[in-house]
Each structure stands twice: as structure tokens, then as C-alpha cells.
């Protein structure tokens, strides 16, 4: 073969639209108390460098370890938004669970409760705390949390997502 796909090479049983992790859930399928955990991750120097490059924050508390130490910090201090982005729904299973019903993120807020340092391992999670139905869509309110390796809550916030209903009222 010269790199071209021959018609007899096509698998008629394969459908790329079915290449998903789960069947799509809709607003009616969701329950208050459902939790969506994201994989834990250790925020290393590469994470700090990537975040600084993306956000353009040039304050040395986020990239100069000696500056941090002179001010009593043991290591680079994570920017609050660097911690908040760890709760992005796409970092876990929620968008895969919603698949075809997810319309978009409406709101996000965060409270930064404790410092996060370079080398800390964090554990992000989302939990459904409210479901507000509309005619054809609904709003999911999620409590977002991040804990560190010391079991301390370092971030708490809220996100709202717009999701399609399976059937209209």
C-alpha cells in the first residue's frame, strides 16, 4: 500500500462517535451529593513555569525561591489562580460523564484558604450541591475543593455549569 486507505480496509463496525468514556448523562440523571474527583498531582517547577508563561504574572514570589525564603516561605508560592485551575471540570471525569449534555461553564469563584507551595501534592474535587432545572436545560452548582498532602483544605469555591435536559418540560 502506498499510504492510501483502500475501501476494503475500512471497518464497517467502527463508529468514532461511540469512542467515548461513558454514555452521556443529562440534567435529570444527576444527584446532589455526586462527587467528581480529579487525579492528585504534585505541583513541581515545570507547573510553576508553565503557569507563569500562560498568565504573565512576573512577581518573584511565584518563581524566585530565594525571594520566597527571605519572606518566610519554604518554597515558591503558587498563585491562587494556579490552584483554582486545578478544579477545572475537564481535569476530571465530569465533562466525560456529561458528554453530549454539557453546554458550558457559567461561573467560577474561589477562596484561597492556605498557601500551596512548589512540591505540594493537591487533591481537587467537585461535588454537586444544587440542581436548578429550567425548561430545556438546568444549572448544576458544584462545590470545588482542593486539599493538600497534609489533608488541609487549601481552596474552596463554587462553579456553575449549564447542562441540557434529556426531555423538555
Protein backbone atom coordinates (compact mmCIF):
# COMPACT_ATOMS: atom_id res chain seq x y z
CA UNK A 1 0.00 0.00 0.00
CA UNK A 2 1.27 3.50 -0.76
CA UNK A 3 -0.29 5.04 2.37
CA UNK A 4 -3.75 5.33 0.89
CA UNK A 5 -6.70 3.71 2.59
CA UNK A 6 -8.39 1.12 0.47
CA UNK A 7 -12.15 0.77 0.77
CA UNK A 8 -11.80 -2.84 1.83
CA UNK A 9 -9.61 -1.70 4.79
CA UNK A 10 -12.48 0.27 6.39
CA UNK A 11 -14.09 -1.43 9.38
CA UNK A 12 -17.88 -1.00 8.99
CA UNK A 13 -18.39 -1.82 12.71
CA UNK A 14 -16.22 1.07 13.93
CA UNK A 15 -18.00 4.35 14.73
CA UNK A 16 -15.77 7.19 16.00
CA UNK A 17 -18.84 8.84 17.60
CA UNK A 18 -19.01 5.91 20.04
CA UNK A 19 -15.38 6.41 21.09
CA UNK A 20 -16.22 7.94 24.48
CA UNK A 21 -15.51 7.03 28.09
CA UNK A 22 -19.15 6.80 29.22
CA UNK A 23 -22.67 7.19 27.96
CA UNK A 24 -23.82 10.78 28.25
CA UNK A 25 -25.69 11.80 31.38
CA UNK A 26 -28.24 14.60 31.29
CA UNK A 27 -29.53 17.03 33.92
CA UNK A 28 -32.18 14.55 35.10
CA UNK A 29 -29.52 11.88 35.72
CA UNK A 30 -27.56 13.99 38.22
CA UNK A 31 -27.94 13.98 42.00
CA UNK A 32 -26.99 16.34 44.79
CA UNK A 33 -24.00 14.86 46.59
CA UNK A 34 -22.43 13.31 43.49
CA UNK A 35 -18.66 13.78 43.64
CA UNK A 36 -16.16 14.00 40.82
CA UNK A 37 -12.56 13.55 41.94
CA UNK A 38 -9.65 14.65 39.80
CA UNK A 39 -6.37 12.76 39.93
CA UNK A 40 -3.93 14.02 42.54
CA UNK A 41 -0.90 15.85 41.21
CA UNK A 42 2.30 17.26 42.61
CA UNK A 43 2.92 20.85 41.53
CA UNK A 44 6.57 20.96 40.52
CA UNK A 45 8.80 23.61 38.99
CA UNK A 46 7.50 22.81 35.49
CA UNK A 47 3.92 23.53 36.62
CA UNK A 48 5.03 26.87 38.06
CA UNK A 49 6.95 27.80 34.91
CA UNK A 50 4.05 26.84 32.64
CA UNK A 51 1.58 28.85 34.71
CA UNK A 52 3.85 31.91 34.75
CA UNK A 53 4.26 31.66 30.99
CA UNK A 54 0.50 31.42 30.44
CA UNK A 55 -0.61 34.17 32.85
CA UNK A 56 2.38 36.54 32.51
CA UNK A 57 2.46 37.15 36.29
CA UNK A 58 6.05 38.23 36.87
CA UNK A 59 6.06 38.65 40.66
CA UNK A 60 9.10 36.85 42.13
CA UNK A 61 7.07 35.16 44.88
CA UNK A 62 5.94 32.71 42.19
CA UNK A 63 9.31 32.00 40.51
CA UNK A 64 12.25 33.08 42.76
CA UNK A 65 12.76 30.59 45.60
CA UNK A 66 15.31 32.79 47.42
CA UNK A 67 12.90 35.73 47.34
CA UNK A 68 10.30 33.43 48.91
CA UNK A 69 12.67 32.16 51.61
CA UNK A 70 13.66 35.72 52.59
CA UNK A 71 9.97 36.28 53.27
CA UNK A 72 9.46 33.12 55.33
CA UNK A 73 8.09 30.80 52.67
CA UNK A 74 9.69 27.34 52.31
CA UNK A 75 9.44 27.32 48.50
CA UNK A 76 7.76 29.00 45.55
CA UNK A 77 4.23 30.12 46.43
CA UNK A 78 1.55 29.05 43.96
CA UNK A 79 -0.58 31.83 42.51
CA UNK A 80 -4.18 31.46 43.67
CA UNK A 81 -5.36 31.07 40.09
CA UNK A 82 -2.78 28.29 39.60
CA UNK A 83 -4.53 26.40 42.38
CA UNK A 84 -8.03 27.30 41.13
CA UNK A 85 -7.37 25.91 37.64
CA UNK A 86 -6.77 22.52 39.21
CA UNK A 87 -10.54 22.35 39.73
CA UNK A 88 -11.28 22.75 36.02
CA UNK A 89 -14.02 20.21 35.30
CA UNK A 90 -12.00 18.85 32.37
CA UNK A 91 -9.25 17.77 34.75
CA UNK A 92 -11.57 15.01 35.96
CA UNK A 93 -14.45 12.90 34.72
CA UNK A 94 -17.36 15.38 34.89
CA UNK A 95 -17.26 16.54 31.23
CA UNK A 96 -16.97 12.90 30.14
CA UNK A 97 -20.00 11.97 32.26
CA UNK A 98 -21.96 14.88 30.75
CA UNK A 99 -20.55 14.27 27.24
CA UNK A 100 -23.40 15.38 24.91
CA UNK A 101 -25.36 17.38 27.51
CA UNK A 102 -22.66 19.84 28.60
CA UNK A 103 -23.22 23.33 27.26
CA UNK A 104 -20.66 25.31 29.24
CA UNK A 105 -19.25 26.83 32.41
CA UNK A 106 -21.29 29.81 33.64
CA UNK A 107 -19.50 30.94 36.82
CA UNK A 108 -16.47 30.21 38.96
CA UNK A 109 -15.38 31.60 42.33
CA UNK A 110 -12.67 30.54 44.75
CA UNK A 111 -11.47 31.27 48.26
CA UNK A 112 -7.79 30.64 48.93
CA UNK A 113 -7.57 29.28 52.46
CA UNK A 114 -3.95 28.14 52.85
CA UNK A 115 -0.76 28.53 50.83
CA UNK A 116 0.23 25.97 48.21
CA UNK A 117 3.94 25.57 47.56
CA UNK A 118 6.06 24.05 44.84
CA UNK A 119 6.32 20.34 45.65
CA UNK A 120 2.89 20.13 47.31
CA UNK A 121 0.54 17.37 46.18
CA UNK A 122 -3.02 18.50 45.68
CA UNK A 123 -6.33 16.67 45.53
CA UNK A 124 -9.06 18.55 43.57
CA UNK A 125 -12.73 17.57 43.76
CA UNK A 126 -16.13 18.79 42.59
CA UNK A 127 -19.42 17.97 44.32
CA UNK A 128 -22.93 18.72 43.11
CA UNK A 129 -24.60 20.90 45.77
CA UNK A 130 -27.58 22.25 43.82
CA UNK A 131 -29.58 21.44 40.70
CA UNK A 132 -31.74 24.21 39.24
CA UNK A 133 -33.98 22.99 36.41
CA UNK A 134 -35.12 25.13 33.51
CA UNK A 135 -37.29 24.24 30.51
CA UNK A 136 -34.71 22.56 28.30
CA UNK A 137 -31.58 22.98 30.41
CA UNK A 138 -30.52 23.04 34.03
CA UNK A 139 -27.79 24.64 36.09
CA UNK A 140 -25.51 22.40 38.13
CA UNK A 141 -23.91 24.13 41.13
CA UNK A 142 -20.67 22.47 42.19
CA UNK A 143 -18.62 22.94 45.34
CA UNK A 144 -14.97 22.90 44.29
CA UNK A 145 -12.29 21.93 46.78
CA UNK A 146 -8.57 21.36 46.82
CA UNK A 147 -6.81 19.62 49.70
CA UNK A 148 -3.06 19.28 50.12
CA UNK A 149 -0.97 16.29 51.20
CA UNK A 150 -1.44 17.32 54.85
CA UNK A 151 -5.24 16.88 54.48
CA UNK A 152 -5.73 20.65 54.75
CA UNK A 153 -8.42 22.37 52.71
CA UNK A 154 -6.45 24.97 50.72
CA UNK A 155 -9.18 26.12 48.31
CA UNK A 156 -12.94 26.16 48.41
CA UNK A 157 -15.16 27.57 45.73
CA UNK A 158 -18.18 27.22 43.52
CA UNK A 159 -18.78 26.56 39.86
CA UNK A 160 -21.99 26.62 37.85
CA UNK A 161 -22.43 24.70 34.63
CA UNK A 162 -25.25 24.73 32.09
CA UNK A 163 -26.42 21.28 31.01
CA UNK A 164 -29.10 20.04 28.62
CA UNK A 165 -32.11 18.14 29.90
CA UNK A 166 -32.93 14.85 28.23
CA UNK A 167 -36.54 15.91 27.79
CA UNK A 168 -38.07 19.37 27.77
CA UNK A 169 -40.78 20.22 30.33
